[in-house]
Protein backbone atom coordinates (compact mmCIF):
# COMPACT_ATOMS: atom_id res chain seq x y z
CA UNK A 1 12.26 -0.62 50.88
CA UNK A 2 13.55 -3.80 49.24
CA UNK A 3 10.01 -4.74 48.28
CA UNK A 4 9.52 -1.26 46.79
CA UNK A 5 12.74 -1.49 44.77
CA UNK A 6 11.89 -5.01 43.66
CA UNK A 7 8.50 -3.73 42.48
CA UNK A 8 10.17 -0.96 40.48
CA UNK A 9 12.59 -3.48 38.94
CA UNK A 10 9.72 -5.79 37.96
CA UNK A 11 7.82 -2.84 36.49
CA UNK A 12 10.83 -1.77 34.41
CA UNK A 13 11.34 -5.35 33.22
CA UNK A 14 7.69 -5.64 32.16
CA UNK A 15 7.84 -2.28 30.39
CA UNK A 16 10.97 -3.36 28.56
CA UNK A 17 9.33 -6.62 27.52
CA UNK A 18 6.24 -4.81 26.21
CA UNK A 19 8.37 -2.34 24.25
CA UNK A 20 10.42 -5.19 22.78
CA UNK A 21 7.22 -6.86 21.61
CA UNK A 22 5.74 -3.66 20.11
CA UNK A 23 4.80 -3.97 16.43
CA UNK A 24 7.11 -1.73 14.40
CA UNK A 25 7.75 -0.74 10.79
CA UNK A 26 10.44 -3.37 10.31
CA UNK A 27 8.03 -6.11 11.33
CA UNK A 28 5.25 -4.69 9.16
CA UNK A 29 7.59 -4.49 6.18
CA UNK A 30 8.75 -8.08 6.67
CA UNK A 31 5.15 -9.27 7.05
CA UNK A 32 3.96 -7.61 3.84
CA UNK A 33 7.05 -8.54 1.83
CA UNK A 34 6.91 -12.24 2.75
CA UNK A 35 4.43 -13.57 0.11
CA UNK A 36 5.89 -14.24 -3.33
CA UNK A 37 2.55 -13.40 -4.98
CA UNK A 38 -0.61 -11.70 -3.75
CA UNK A 39 -3.70 -11.44 -5.94
CA UNK A 40 -7.34 -10.53 -5.56
CA UNK A 41 -10.13 -8.11 -6.41
CA UNK A 42 -10.05 -4.39 -5.75
CA UNK A 43 -12.75 -1.75 -5.42
CA UNK A 44 -11.66 1.84 -5.89
CA UNK A 45 -13.88 4.81 -5.06
CA UNK A 46 -12.94 8.27 -6.26
CA UNK A 47 -14.73 10.93 -4.22
CA UNK A 48 -14.88 14.25 -6.09
CA UNK A 49 -16.13 17.44 -4.49
CA UNK A 50 -18.21 18.25 -7.55
CA UNK A 51 -20.11 14.93 -7.58
CA UNK A 52 -22.65 13.66 -5.01
CA UNK A 53 -21.68 9.99 -5.57
CA UNK A 54 -18.19 8.48 -5.84
CA UNK A 55 -16.84 7.16 -9.12
CA UNK A 56 -16.38 3.43 -8.52
CA UNK A 57 -14.07 1.14 -10.47
CA UNK A 58 -13.45 -2.56 -9.99
CA UNK A 59 -10.90 -5.05 -11.13
CA UNK A 60 -8.19 -7.51 -10.18
CA UNK A 61 -4.60 -6.99 -9.07
CA UNK A 62 -1.58 -9.26 -8.99
CA UNK A 63 1.45 -8.31 -6.91
CA UNK A 64 4.70 -10.16 -7.50
CA UNK A 65 7.51 -9.59 -5.03
CA UNK A 66 10.02 -10.02 -7.86
CA UNK A 67 8.25 -8.38 -10.83
CA UNK A 68 5.89 -5.65 -9.63
CA UNK A 69 2.18 -4.95 -9.79
CA UNK A 70 -0.35 -5.85 -12.49
CA UNK A 71 -3.46 -3.66 -12.18
CA UNK A 72 -6.37 -4.92 -14.29
CA UNK A 73 -9.33 -2.56 -14.43
CA UNK A 74 -12.58 -4.34 -15.43
CA UNK A 75 -15.25 -1.68 -14.95
CA UNK A 76 -16.40 0.91 -15.88
CA UNK A 77 -13.85 0.24 -18.66
CA UNK A 78 -11.22 -2.38 -19.30
CA UNK A 79 -7.58 -1.36 -19.02
CA UNK A 80 -4.41 -3.04 -17.78
CA UNK A 81 -1.47 -1.28 -16.10
CA UNK A 82 1.93 -2.67 -15.17
CA UNK A 83 3.77 -0.93 -12.34
CA UNK A 84 7.32 -1.78 -11.41
CA UNK A 85 10.76 -0.39 -10.66
CA UNK A 86 11.11 0.72 -14.28
CA UNK A 87 7.92 2.81 -14.17
CA UNK A 88 4.30 2.53 -15.25
CA UNK A 89 3.06 1.09 -18.54
CA UNK A 90 -0.41 0.73 -20.04
CA UNK A 91 -1.40 -2.19 -22.27
CA UNK A 92 -2.41 -1.14 -25.80
CA UNK A 93 -3.08 -3.11 -29.01
CA UNK A 94 0.53 -2.29 -29.94
CA UNK A 95 1.92 -3.55 -26.64
CA UNK A 96 2.89 -1.96 -23.33
CA UNK A 97 3.32 1.81 -23.53
CA UNK A 98 5.24 3.77 -20.85
CA UNK A 99 3.17 6.40 -19.02
CA UNK A 100 4.15 9.86 -17.73
CA UNK A 101 5.48 9.68 -14.21
CA UNK A 102 4.48 12.99 -12.65
CA UNK A 103 0.67 12.95 -12.71
CA UNK A 104 -1.58 11.99 -9.80
CA UNK A 105 -2.37 8.53 -11.19
CA UNK A 106 1.34 7.77 -11.52
CA UNK A 107 2.05 8.92 -7.98
CA UNK A 108 -0.84 6.81 -6.67
CA UNK A 109 0.38 3.76 -8.59
CA UNK A 110 3.90 4.04 -7.18
CA UNK A 111 2.46 4.50 -3.72
CA UNK A 112 0.25 1.40 -4.08
CA UNK A 113 3.26 -0.65 -5.14
CA UNK A 114 5.39 0.52 -2.22
CA UNK A 115 2.58 -0.05 0.28
CA UNK A 116 1.63 -3.49 -0.99
CA UNK A 117 5.27 -4.56 -1.05
CA UNK A 118 5.81 -3.35 2.51
CA UNK A 119 8.59 -1.00 1.35
CA UNK A 120 8.54 1.25 4.41
CA UNK A 121 12.11 2.44 3.74
CA UNK A 122 11.04 3.73 0.32
CA UNK A 123 7.93 5.32 1.80
CA UNK A 124 9.98 7.00 4.53
CA UNK A 125 11.94 8.89 1.86
CA UNK A 126 8.77 10.76 0.91
CA UNK A 127 6.51 10.50 3.98
CA UNK A 128 6.54 10.70 7.74
CA UNK A 129 5.22 7.33 8.95
CA UNK A 130 3.15 6.66 12.05
CA UNK A 131 2.22 3.05 12.84
CA UNK A 132 -0.22 1.78 15.45
CA UNK A 133 -1.83 -1.57 16.26
CA UNK A 134 -0.38 -5.06 15.94
CA UNK A 135 0.31 -7.69 13.28
CA UNK A 136 -3.35 -8.75 13.08
CA UNK A 137 -4.83 -5.23 12.91
CA UNK A 138 -2.60 -2.24 12.16
CA UNK A 139 -2.96 1.31 10.87
CA UNK A 140 -0.27 3.30 9.10
CA UNK A 141 -0.58 7.07 8.53
CA UNK A 142 1.60 8.85 5.97
CA UNK A 143 2.23 12.60 5.90
CA UNK A 144 4.02 13.91 2.76
CA UNK A 145 7.50 15.37 3.15
CA UNK A 146 8.31 16.56 -0.37
CA UNK A 147 6.78 19.69 -1.86
CA UNK A 148 5.60 17.73 -4.91
CA UNK A 149 3.67 15.20 -2.83
CA UNK A 150 2.34 17.94 -0.54
CA UNK A 151 0.76 19.47 -3.64
CA UNK A 152 -1.05 16.18 -4.32
CA UNK A 153 -1.80 14.50 -0.98
CA UNK A 154 -2.63 15.92 2.43
CA UNK A 155 -2.62 12.53 4.19
CA UNK A 156 -2.72 8.81 3.47
CA UNK A 157 -4.17 6.17 5.79
CA UNK A 158 -3.56 2.45 5.36
CA UNK A 159 -5.10 -0.42 7.28
CA UNK A 160 -4.56 -4.14 7.22
CA UNK A 161 -3.73 -7.38 8.95
CA UNK A 162 -1.65 -10.12 7.32
CA UNK A 163 -2.04 -8.11 4.09
CA UNK A 164 -3.07 -4.58 3.16
CA UNK A 165 -6.87 -4.26 3.23
CA UNK A 166 -7.62 -0.57 2.76
CA UNK A 167 -5.82 2.53 1.46
CA UNK A 168 -7.33 6.00 1.73
CA UNK A 169 -5.71 8.96 -0.01
CA UNK A 170 -6.81 12.49 0.87
CA UNK A 171 -5.83 15.02 -1.79
CA UNK A 172 -5.02 18.64 -1.10
CA UNK A 173 -7.80 19.87 -3.41
CA UNK A 174 -10.45 18.13 -1.30
CA UNK A 175 -10.92 14.99 -3.40
CA UNK A 176 -10.11 11.55 -2.02
CA UNK A 177 -9.58 7.96 -3.17
CA UNK A 178 -10.54 4.86 -1.20
CA UNK A 179 -9.05 1.54 -2.30
CA UNK A 180 -10.39 -1.67 -0.76
CA UNK A 181 -8.77 -5.09 -1.21
CA UNK A 182 -11.40 -7.37 0.33
CA UNK A 183 -10.31 -10.89 -0.65
CA UNK A 184 -6.58 -10.97 -1.29
CA UNK A 185 -4.96 -14.39 -1.54
CA UNK A 186 -1.34 -15.45 -1.19
CA UNK A 187 0.35 -17.73 -3.73
CA UNK A 188 3.80 -19.13 -4.41
CA UNK A 189 4.02 -18.30 -8.11
CA UNK A 190 2.52 -16.39 -11.03
CA UNK A 191 0.37 -17.97 -13.71
CA UNK A 192 1.88 -18.09 -17.20
CA UNK A 193 -0.35 -15.20 -18.35
CA UNK A 194 0.64 -13.10 -15.33
CA UNK A 195 4.32 -13.86 -15.84
CA UNK A 196 4.15 -12.75 -19.47
CA UNK A 197 2.22 -9.60 -18.58
CA UNK A 198 4.78 -8.60 -15.93
CA UNK A 199 7.83 -9.50 -18.01
CA UNK A 200 9.93 -6.40 -18.85
């Protein structure tokens, strides 16, 4: 009987240790928020029901923990966007112009910023979050809570390791967007050009 009880106690202790070591949203948020700057290329595929092939765009992004996200589209056209706590702006010959905040592109941009920053608390305001995996290979599924987001997205799936590597957005109308970040690099500071571009 003692041996049996000791076995149960050991089993409970091991279970408690494994639960304590489980990878959770707090750890994921801390992991993604740690770098001061993350930059790299992106490949975005827009899958439309009416088209047999996806619309593919490519460019570079720069994420600053302090200043926000610089999204530089290189092809099929060139266009720069700045996404931060104050909203979304597009670069024009006259300077940065604020963009409407309620369209699909705006919602996607805010989502990208929150995901890349590891802002799970902000995401939890609008989505139910389900995390699986560990620090080296994790998957996060988001289900919209608000009626507005439910009208846009049916589900969002994010994958990564040390950094976010893939974001897939399924829209309610049947279209989808796949964003891949294949070669992101961590840095301690912005370049002068990046700092000026992200300055409010």
